[in-house]
Amino acid sequence: QEVLREISSRTPRAYGGNSPRTAVFTPMPGDLHSFGPAMVQECFALAGWSADLLVSASHQEIVGTVADRHLDLLGLTLSHDTHIERAASLIRAIRSVSMNPYLSIMVGGRVIADQPGLATLVGADGTADTAAGAVAVAERLVCAARLAASA
């Protein structure tokens, strides 16, 4: 993680406009794996997003963050298949309180990489194989959500 921070501090950040897209990334509550979400968060920041990372956040902290902030995207990682039902419950809770009714939710991690169809099963809007691919998918999701919001 120190190497990631050192490399990112030397890389210029893209910025595309007056209002950058906003995102929060977090591992599933109880999951100790935080390096993956940190890498994805950094890729989004380098792509010009205002991206934050929640580490060791509880279910309530994640829901509270989404309720208190207007976010375009929430990224959730799952590294254990025992988290699938809890992820679906968390995503439902997030959607019910989100300050942004058009919030896009992406999931990733080992479990999703092994079974990409689980993304739909847990109620997410998308997933990607790589961090760079996640940025591209998120751009499409958020663009479509903003169009829907303005309609």
N, C-alpha and C. Protein backbone atom coordinates (compact mmCIF):
# COMPACT_ATOMS: atom_id res chain seq x y z
N GLN A 1 0.82 -1.19 0.00
CA GLN A 1 0.00 0.00 0.00
C GLN A 1 0.86 1.25 0.00
N GLU A 2 2.02 1.19 0.65
CA GLU A 2 2.93 2.33 0.63
C GLU A 2 3.46 2.57 -0.78
N VAL A 3 3.76 1.51 -1.52
CA VAL A 3 4.23 1.64 -2.89
C VAL A 3 3.14 2.28 -3.75
N LEU A 4 1.89 1.84 -3.57
CA LEU A 4 0.77 2.42 -4.32
C LEU A 4 0.68 3.92 -4.05
N ARG A 5 0.78 4.33 -2.80
CA ARG A 5 0.70 5.75 -2.47
C ARG A 5 1.87 6.53 -3.08
N GLU A 6 3.06 5.94 -3.05
CA GLU A 6 4.25 6.62 -3.60
C GLU A 6 4.10 6.82 -5.11
N ILE A 7 3.67 5.78 -5.80
CA ILE A 7 3.50 5.88 -7.25
C ILE A 7 2.42 6.90 -7.58
N SER A 8 1.31 6.85 -6.86
CA SER A 8 0.20 7.76 -7.18
C SER A 8 0.56 9.21 -6.87
N SER A 9 1.40 9.44 -5.90
CA SER A 9 1.78 10.82 -5.59
C SER A 9 2.61 11.45 -6.70
N ARG A 10 3.21 10.62 -7.54
CA ARG A 10 4.04 11.11 -8.64
C ARG A 10 3.29 11.18 -9.97
N THR A 11 2.04 10.75 -9.97
CA THR A 11 1.27 10.68 -11.21
C THR A 11 0.30 11.85 -11.27
N PRO A 12 0.33 12.60 -12.39
CA PRO A 12 -0.63 13.70 -12.51
C PRO A 12 -2.06 13.18 -12.58
N ARG A 13 -2.96 13.91 -11.99
CA ARG A 13 -4.36 13.51 -11.97
C ARG A 13 -5.12 14.18 -13.10
N ALA A 14 -6.00 13.42 -13.71
CA ALA A 14 -6.87 13.98 -14.75
C ALA A 14 -7.98 14.75 -14.05
N TYR A 15 -8.47 15.73 -14.72
CA TYR A 15 -9.63 16.44 -14.19
C TYR A 15 -10.47 16.89 -15.35
N GLY A 16 -11.70 16.43 -15.38
CA GLY A 16 -12.53 16.70 -16.53
C GLY A 16 -13.78 17.48 -16.22
N GLY A 17 -13.66 18.75 -15.90
CA GLY A 17 -14.85 19.54 -15.72
C GLY A 17 -14.97 20.20 -14.37
N ASN A 18 -16.08 20.89 -14.19
CA ASN A 18 -16.31 21.63 -12.97
C ASN A 18 -16.75 20.75 -11.80
N SER A 19 -17.43 19.68 -12.09
CA SER A 19 -17.98 18.84 -11.04
C SER A 19 -17.56 17.39 -11.27
N PRO A 20 -16.46 16.96 -10.62
CA PRO A 20 -16.03 15.58 -10.87
C PRO A 20 -17.04 14.58 -10.34
N ARG A 21 -17.04 13.44 -10.94
CA ARG A 21 -17.90 12.37 -10.46
C ARG A 21 -17.39 11.93 -9.08
N THR A 22 -18.31 11.51 -8.22
CA THR A 22 -17.94 11.15 -6.85
C THR A 22 -18.14 9.66 -6.62
N ALA A 23 -17.22 9.07 -5.88
CA ALA A 23 -17.29 7.64 -5.62
C ALA A 23 -16.70 7.32 -4.25
N VAL A 24 -17.21 6.25 -3.67
CA VAL A 24 -16.65 5.68 -2.45
C VAL A 24 -16.46 4.20 -2.70
N PHE A 25 -15.33 3.68 -2.27
CA PHE A 25 -15.00 2.27 -2.41
C PHE A 25 -14.77 1.68 -1.03
N THR A 26 -15.25 0.46 -0.84
CA THR A 26 -15.12 -0.19 0.46
C THR A 26 -15.19 -1.71 0.30
N PRO A 27 -14.44 -2.40 1.13
CA PRO A 27 -14.66 -3.85 1.18
C PRO A 27 -15.94 -4.14 1.95
N MET A 28 -16.49 -5.30 1.73
CA MET A 28 -17.66 -5.74 2.47
C MET A 28 -17.34 -5.72 3.96
N PRO A 29 -18.27 -5.25 4.80
CA PRO A 29 -18.01 -5.26 6.24
C PRO A 29 -17.56 -6.64 6.73
N GLY A 30 -16.52 -6.64 7.54
CA GLY A 30 -15.97 -7.89 8.05
C GLY A 30 -14.88 -8.46 7.17
N ASP A 31 -14.71 -7.92 5.99
CA ASP A 31 -13.68 -8.39 5.06
C ASP A 31 -12.38 -7.64 5.36
N LEU A 32 -11.30 -8.35 5.53
CA LEU A 32 -10.03 -7.72 5.87
C LEU A 32 -9.23 -7.30 4.64
N HIS A 33 -9.72 -7.62 3.46
CA HIS A 33 -9.03 -7.32 2.21
C HIS A 33 -9.29 -5.86 1.81
N SER A 34 -8.28 -5.00 1.93
CA SER A 34 -8.49 -3.60 1.58
C SER A 34 -7.56 -3.10 0.47
N PHE A 35 -6.59 -3.92 0.07
CA PHE A 35 -5.66 -3.46 -0.97
C PHE A 35 -6.36 -3.31 -2.32
N GLY A 36 -7.23 -4.24 -2.67
CA GLY A 36 -7.97 -4.16 -3.94
C GLY A 36 -8.80 -2.90 -4.04
N PRO A 37 -9.63 -2.61 -3.03
CA PRO A 37 -10.38 -1.36 -3.09
C PRO A 37 -9.49 -0.12 -3.13
N ALA A 38 -8.34 -0.19 -2.47
CA ALA A 38 -7.42 0.95 -2.50
C ALA A 38 -6.86 1.16 -3.90
N MET A 39 -6.55 0.08 -4.60
CA MET A 39 -6.05 0.20 -5.97
C MET A 39 -7.12 0.77 -6.88
N VAL A 40 -8.35 0.29 -6.74
CA VAL A 40 -9.44 0.77 -7.59
C VAL A 40 -9.71 2.25 -7.30
N GLN A 41 -9.74 2.61 -6.02
CA GLN A 41 -9.95 4.01 -5.64
C GLN A 41 -8.89 4.90 -6.27
N GLU A 42 -7.67 4.46 -6.26
CA GLU A 42 -6.58 5.25 -6.84
C GLU A 42 -6.75 5.38 -8.35
N CYS A 43 -7.16 4.34 -9.03
CA CYS A 43 -7.39 4.41 -10.49
C CYS A 43 -8.49 5.42 -10.80
N PHE A 44 -9.53 5.43 -10.00
CA PHE A 44 -10.61 6.40 -10.21
C PHE A 44 -10.12 7.82 -9.95
N ALA A 45 -9.34 8.01 -8.90
CA ALA A 45 -8.80 9.34 -8.61
C ALA A 45 -7.91 9.81 -9.76
N LEU A 46 -7.10 8.92 -10.29
CA LEU A 46 -6.23 9.29 -11.42
C LEU A 46 -7.04 9.61 -12.67
N ALA A 47 -8.24 9.05 -12.78
CA ALA A 47 -9.11 9.32 -13.93
C ALA A 47 -9.95 10.58 -13.73
N GLY A 48 -9.74 11.29 -12.61
CA GLY A 48 -10.42 12.55 -12.40
C GLY A 48 -11.62 12.50 -11.49
N TRP A 49 -11.90 11.35 -10.92
CA TRP A 49 -13.02 11.22 -9.99
C TRP A 49 -12.62 11.74 -8.62
N SER A 50 -13.59 12.22 -7.87
CA SER A 50 -13.40 12.49 -6.45
C SER A 50 -13.73 11.18 -5.75
N ALA A 51 -12.70 10.42 -5.41
CA ALA A 51 -12.88 9.05 -4.94
C ALA A 51 -12.30 8.87 -3.54
N ASP A 52 -13.11 8.29 -2.67
CA ASP A 52 -12.69 8.03 -1.30
C ASP A 52 -12.71 6.55 -1.01
N LEU A 53 -12.00 6.18 0.04
CA LEU A 53 -11.89 4.78 0.46
C LEU A 53 -12.35 4.66 1.90
N LEU A 54 -13.25 3.72 2.15
CA LEU A 54 -13.63 3.37 3.52
C LEU A 54 -12.99 2.03 3.83
N VAL A 55 -12.23 1.99 4.91
CA VAL A 55 -11.58 0.74 5.31
C VAL A 55 -12.16 0.31 6.65
N SER A 56 -12.48 -0.94 6.77
CA SER A 56 -13.04 -1.50 8.00
C SER A 56 -14.35 -0.83 8.40
N ALA A 57 -15.13 -0.42 7.43
CA ALA A 57 -16.41 0.23 7.71
C ALA A 57 -17.47 -0.81 8.03
N SER A 58 -18.33 -0.47 8.95
CA SER A 58 -19.45 -1.35 9.29
C SER A 58 -20.59 -1.12 8.30
N HIS A 59 -21.57 -2.01 8.34
CA HIS A 59 -22.78 -1.87 7.53
C HIS A 59 -23.38 -0.48 7.76
N GLN A 60 -23.50 -0.08 9.02
CA GLN A 60 -24.10 1.20 9.36
C GLN A 60 -23.27 2.38 8.85
N GLU A 61 -21.95 2.27 8.91
CA GLU A 61 -21.10 3.35 8.42
C GLU A 61 -21.22 3.53 6.91
N ILE A 62 -21.31 2.42 6.18
CA ILE A 62 -21.45 2.50 4.73
C ILE A 62 -22.80 3.12 4.38
N VAL A 63 -23.86 2.64 5.01
CA VAL A 63 -25.19 3.17 4.76
C VAL A 63 -25.24 4.65 5.13
N GLY A 64 -24.64 5.01 6.26
CA GLY A 64 -24.61 6.41 6.68
C GLY A 64 -23.87 7.31 5.71
N THR A 65 -22.78 6.82 5.16
CA THR A 65 -22.01 7.60 4.17
C THR A 65 -22.86 7.89 2.95
N VAL A 66 -23.57 6.88 2.47
CA VAL A 66 -24.41 7.05 1.27
C VAL A 66 -25.60 7.96 1.57
N ALA A 67 -26.10 7.91 2.79
CA ALA A 67 -27.24 8.76 3.16
C ALA A 67 -26.82 10.22 3.33
N ASP A 68 -25.57 10.44 3.74
CA ASP A 68 -25.09 11.80 4.05
C ASP A 68 -24.42 12.52 2.89
N ARG A 69 -24.03 11.79 1.85
CA ARG A 69 -23.27 12.39 0.75
C ARG A 69 -23.92 12.06 -0.59
N HIS A 70 -23.89 13.02 -1.50
CA HIS A 70 -24.36 12.75 -2.85
C HIS A 70 -23.21 12.06 -3.59
N LEU A 71 -23.39 10.79 -3.86
CA LEU A 71 -22.38 10.00 -4.57
C LEU A 71 -22.93 9.58 -5.91
N ASP A 72 -22.03 9.48 -6.89
CA ASP A 72 -22.41 8.93 -8.18
C ASP A 72 -22.24 7.42 -8.19
N LEU A 73 -21.27 6.93 -7.40
CA LEU A 73 -20.91 5.51 -7.47
C LEU A 73 -20.48 5.01 -6.10
N LEU A 74 -20.90 3.79 -5.80
CA LEU A 74 -20.36 3.07 -4.65
C LEU A 74 -19.76 1.79 -5.19
N GLY A 75 -18.52 1.51 -4.82
CA GLY A 75 -17.85 0.27 -5.21
C GLY A 75 -17.66 -0.60 -3.99
N LEU A 76 -18.08 -1.85 -4.08
CA LEU A 76 -18.04 -2.78 -2.96
C LEU A 76 -17.29 -4.03 -3.40
N THR A 77 -16.32 -4.48 -2.58
CA THR A 77 -15.60 -5.70 -2.93
C THR A 77 -15.99 -6.84 -2.00
N LEU A 78 -16.06 -8.02 -2.58
CA LEU A 78 -16.40 -9.24 -1.84
C LEU A 78 -15.28 -10.26 -2.09
N SER A 79 -14.65 -10.69 -1.02
CA SER A 79 -13.61 -11.70 -1.20
C SER A 79 -14.00 -13.06 -0.62
N HIS A 80 -15.19 -13.14 0.00
CA HIS A 80 -15.66 -14.40 0.56
C HIS A 80 -17.09 -14.66 0.08
N ASP A 81 -17.35 -15.89 -0.36
CA ASP A 81 -18.69 -16.19 -0.86
C ASP A 81 -19.73 -16.19 0.26
N THR A 82 -19.29 -16.20 1.50
CA THR A 82 -20.24 -16.11 2.61
C THR A 82 -20.87 -14.72 2.70
N HIS A 83 -20.31 -13.75 1.97
CA HIS A 83 -20.81 -12.37 2.01
C HIS A 83 -21.92 -12.10 0.99
N ILE A 84 -22.27 -13.06 0.15
CA ILE A 84 -23.19 -12.80 -0.96
C ILE A 84 -24.55 -12.32 -0.46
N GLU A 85 -25.15 -13.04 0.47
CA GLU A 85 -26.48 -12.63 0.97
C GLU A 85 -26.38 -11.31 1.71
N ARG A 86 -25.33 -11.12 2.49
CA ARG A 86 -25.16 -9.86 3.21
C ARG A 86 -24.92 -8.71 2.25
N ALA A 87 -24.25 -8.98 1.13
CA ALA A 87 -24.02 -7.93 0.13
C ALA A 87 -25.33 -7.49 -0.48
N ALA A 88 -26.20 -8.43 -0.80
CA ALA A 88 -27.51 -8.08 -1.36
C ALA A 88 -28.31 -7.24 -0.36
N SER A 89 -28.26 -7.60 0.90
CA SER A 89 -28.96 -6.85 1.94
C SER A 89 -28.37 -5.44 2.08
N LEU A 90 -27.06 -5.34 2.05
CA LEU A 90 -26.39 -4.04 2.16
C LEU A 90 -26.75 -3.16 0.97
N ILE A 91 -26.74 -3.71 -0.22
CA ILE A 91 -27.06 -2.94 -1.42
C ILE A 91 -28.51 -2.44 -1.36
N ARG A 92 -29.43 -3.27 -0.90
CA ARG A 92 -30.82 -2.82 -0.75
C ARG A 92 -30.90 -1.67 0.24
N ALA A 93 -30.19 -1.79 1.36
CA ALA A 93 -30.19 -0.72 2.37
C ALA A 93 -29.59 0.56 1.81
N ILE A 94 -28.52 0.44 1.05
CA ILE A 94 -27.87 1.60 0.44
C ILE A 94 -28.84 2.31 -0.49
N ARG A 95 -29.49 1.55 -1.34
CA ARG A 95 -30.42 2.15 -2.30
C ARG A 95 -31.59 2.83 -1.59
N SER A 96 -32.01 2.29 -0.46
CA SER A 96 -33.18 2.85 0.22
C SER A 96 -32.89 4.19 0.89
N VAL A 97 -31.60 4.50 1.17
CA VAL A 97 -31.27 5.74 1.87
C VAL A 97 -30.42 6.70 1.05
N SER A 98 -30.01 6.29 -0.13
CA SER A 98 -29.06 7.09 -0.91
C SER A 98 -29.57 8.50 -1.16
N MET A 99 -28.71 9.47 -0.94
CA MET A 99 -29.02 10.85 -1.25
C MET A 99 -29.23 11.02 -2.75
N ASN A 100 -28.59 10.16 -3.54
CA ASN A 100 -28.72 10.17 -4.99
C ASN A 100 -29.60 8.99 -5.40
N PRO A 101 -30.83 9.22 -5.83
CA PRO A 101 -31.70 8.10 -6.21
C PRO A 101 -31.20 7.36 -7.45
N TYR A 102 -30.23 7.94 -8.14
CA TYR A 102 -29.65 7.31 -9.34
C TYR A 102 -28.25 6.78 -9.08
N LEU A 103 -27.93 6.51 -7.83
CA LEU A 103 -26.62 5.97 -7.45
C LEU A 103 -26.32 4.69 -8.23
N SER A 104 -25.13 4.62 -8.77
CA SER A 104 -24.68 3.40 -9.43
C SER A 104 -23.85 2.61 -8.44
N ILE A 105 -24.03 1.30 -8.42
CA ILE A 105 -23.30 0.43 -7.51
C ILE A 105 -22.57 -0.62 -8.33
N MET A 106 -21.27 -0.74 -8.07
CA MET A 106 -20.46 -1.77 -8.72
C MET A 106 -19.89 -2.68 -7.65
N VAL A 107 -19.73 -3.94 -8.00
CA VAL A 107 -19.11 -4.90 -7.10
C VAL A 107 -17.92 -5.54 -7.80
N GLY A 108 -16.97 -5.97 -6.99
CA GLY A 108 -15.79 -6.64 -7.51
C GLY A 108 -15.20 -7.51 -6.43
N GLY A 109 -14.01 -8.01 -6.68
CA GLY A 109 -13.35 -8.88 -5.72
C GLY A 109 -13.30 -10.31 -6.22
N ARG A 110 -12.64 -11.15 -5.43
CA ARG A 110 -12.42 -12.53 -5.83
C ARG A 110 -13.72 -13.27 -6.14
N VAL A 111 -14.72 -13.13 -5.30
CA VAL A 111 -15.97 -13.86 -5.50
C VAL A 111 -16.64 -13.45 -6.81
N ILE A 112 -16.65 -12.16 -7.09
CA ILE A 112 -17.28 -11.67 -8.32
C ILE A 112 -16.45 -12.06 -9.54
N ALA A 113 -15.12 -12.01 -9.40
CA ALA A 113 -14.26 -12.42 -10.52
C ALA A 113 -14.50 -13.88 -10.89
N ASP A 114 -14.71 -14.71 -9.87
CA ASP A 114 -14.97 -16.13 -10.12
C ASP A 114 -16.35 -16.39 -10.71
N GLN A 115 -17.33 -15.55 -10.34
CA GLN A 115 -18.71 -15.72 -10.80
C GLN A 115 -19.32 -14.35 -11.10
N PRO A 116 -19.01 -13.75 -12.26
CA PRO A 116 -19.48 -12.39 -12.57
C PRO A 116 -21.00 -12.23 -12.51
N GLY A 117 -21.75 -13.30 -12.73
CA GLY A 117 -23.21 -13.24 -12.67
C GLY A 117 -23.73 -12.87 -11.29
N LEU A 118 -22.90 -13.02 -10.27
CA LEU A 118 -23.32 -12.67 -8.92
C LEU A 118 -23.54 -11.17 -8.77
N ALA A 119 -22.92 -10.38 -9.62
CA ALA A 119 -23.10 -8.93 -9.55
C ALA A 119 -24.58 -8.58 -9.68
N THR A 120 -25.24 -9.18 -10.63
CA THR A 120 -26.68 -8.94 -10.82
C THR A 120 -27.47 -9.53 -9.67
N LEU A 121 -27.08 -10.70 -9.21
CA LEU A 121 -27.79 -11.38 -8.13
C LEU A 121 -27.81 -10.54 -6.85
N VAL A 122 -26.72 -9.84 -6.54
CA VAL A 122 -26.68 -9.04 -5.31
C VAL A 122 -27.29 -7.66 -5.50
N GLY A 123 -27.68 -7.32 -6.72
CA GLY A 123 -28.35 -6.05 -6.97
C GLY A 123 -27.45 -4.93 -7.45
N ALA A 124 -26.24 -5.26 -7.88
CA ALA A 124 -25.32 -4.24 -8.38
C ALA A 124 -25.66 -3.89 -9.82
N ASP A 125 -25.16 -2.73 -10.24
CA ASP A 125 -25.38 -2.28 -11.61
C ASP A 125 -24.30 -2.76 -12.57
N GLY A 126 -23.14 -3.14 -12.02
CA GLY A 126 -22.07 -3.56 -12.90
C GLY A 126 -20.88 -4.10 -12.15
N THR A 127 -19.95 -4.63 -12.94
CA THR A 127 -18.68 -5.15 -12.45
C THR A 127 -17.69 -5.06 -13.59
N ALA A 128 -16.42 -5.28 -13.29
CA ALA A 128 -15.38 -5.26 -14.32
C ALA A 128 -14.25 -6.17 -13.89
N ASP A 129 -13.46 -6.62 -14.87
CA ASP A 129 -12.34 -7.52 -14.59
C ASP A 129 -11.12 -6.80 -14.03
N THR A 130 -10.97 -5.53 -14.39
CA THR A 130 -9.79 -4.77 -13.99
C THR A 130 -10.20 -3.41 -13.44
N ALA A 131 -9.27 -2.76 -12.76
CA ALA A 131 -9.56 -1.42 -12.24
C ALA A 131 -9.81 -0.44 -13.40
N ALA A 132 -9.00 -0.53 -14.45
CA ALA A 132 -9.21 0.35 -15.60
C ALA A 132 -10.55 0.06 -16.26
N GLY A 133 -10.91 -1.20 -16.35
CA GLY A 133 -12.22 -1.56 -16.88
C GLY A 133 -13.35 -1.04 -16.00
N ALA A 134 -13.12 -1.02 -14.69
CA ALA A 134 -14.13 -0.51 -13.77
C ALA A 134 -14.38 0.97 -14.00
N VAL A 135 -13.33 1.72 -14.31
CA VAL A 135 -13.50 3.15 -14.59
C VAL A 135 -14.39 3.32 -15.83
N ALA A 136 -14.14 2.54 -16.85
CA ALA A 136 -14.93 2.64 -18.09
C ALA A 136 -16.38 2.26 -17.84
N VAL A 137 -16.62 1.17 -17.12
CA VAL A 137 -17.99 0.75 -16.82
C VAL A 137 -18.68 1.82 -15.98
N ALA A 138 -17.98 2.34 -14.98
CA ALA A 138 -18.57 3.36 -14.10
C ALA A 138 -18.92 4.62 -14.88
N GLU A 139 -18.08 5.02 -15.80
CA GLU A 139 -18.37 6.20 -16.62
C GLU A 139 -19.68 6.00 -17.38
N ARG A 140 -19.86 4.82 -17.97
CA ARG A 140 -21.10 4.54 -18.71
C ARG A 140 -22.31 4.53 -17.77
N LEU A 141 -22.16 3.87 -16.61
CA LEU A 141 -23.27 3.80 -15.66
C LEU A 141 -23.68 5.18 -15.17
N VAL A 142 -22.71 5.99 -14.80
CA VAL A 142 -23.01 7.30 -14.24
C VAL A 142 -23.56 8.24 -15.32
N CYS A 143 -23.05 8.13 -16.52
CA CYS A 143 -23.58 8.94 -17.63
C CYS A 143 -25.05 8.58 -17.85
N ALA A 144 -25.37 7.29 -17.89
CA ALA A 144 -26.76 6.87 -18.08
C ALA A 144 -27.63 7.32 -16.90
N ALA A 145 -27.10 7.24 -15.68
CA ALA A 145 -27.86 7.67 -14.50
C ALA A 145 -28.14 9.17 -14.54
N ARG A 146 -27.15 9.94 -14.96
CA ARG A 146 -27.36 11.39 -15.03
C ARG A 146 -28.36 11.75 -16.10
N LEU A 147 -28.36 11.02 -17.21
CA LEU A 147 -29.38 11.25 -18.25
C LEU A 147 -30.76 10.91 -17.71
N ALA A 148 -30.87 9.81 -16.99
CA ALA A 148 -32.16 9.42 -16.41
C ALA A 148 -32.64 10.46 -15.39
N ALA A 149 -31.72 11.01 -14.63
CA ALA A 149 -32.08 11.99 -13.62
C ALA A 149 -32.56 13.30 -14.26
N SER A 150 -32.03 13.63 -15.42
CA SER A 150 -32.41 14.89 -16.07
C SER A 150 -33.67 14.75 -16.93
N ALA A 151 -34.11 13.51 -17.14
CA ALA A 151 -35.31 13.27 -17.97
C ALA A 151 -36.59 13.57 -17.24
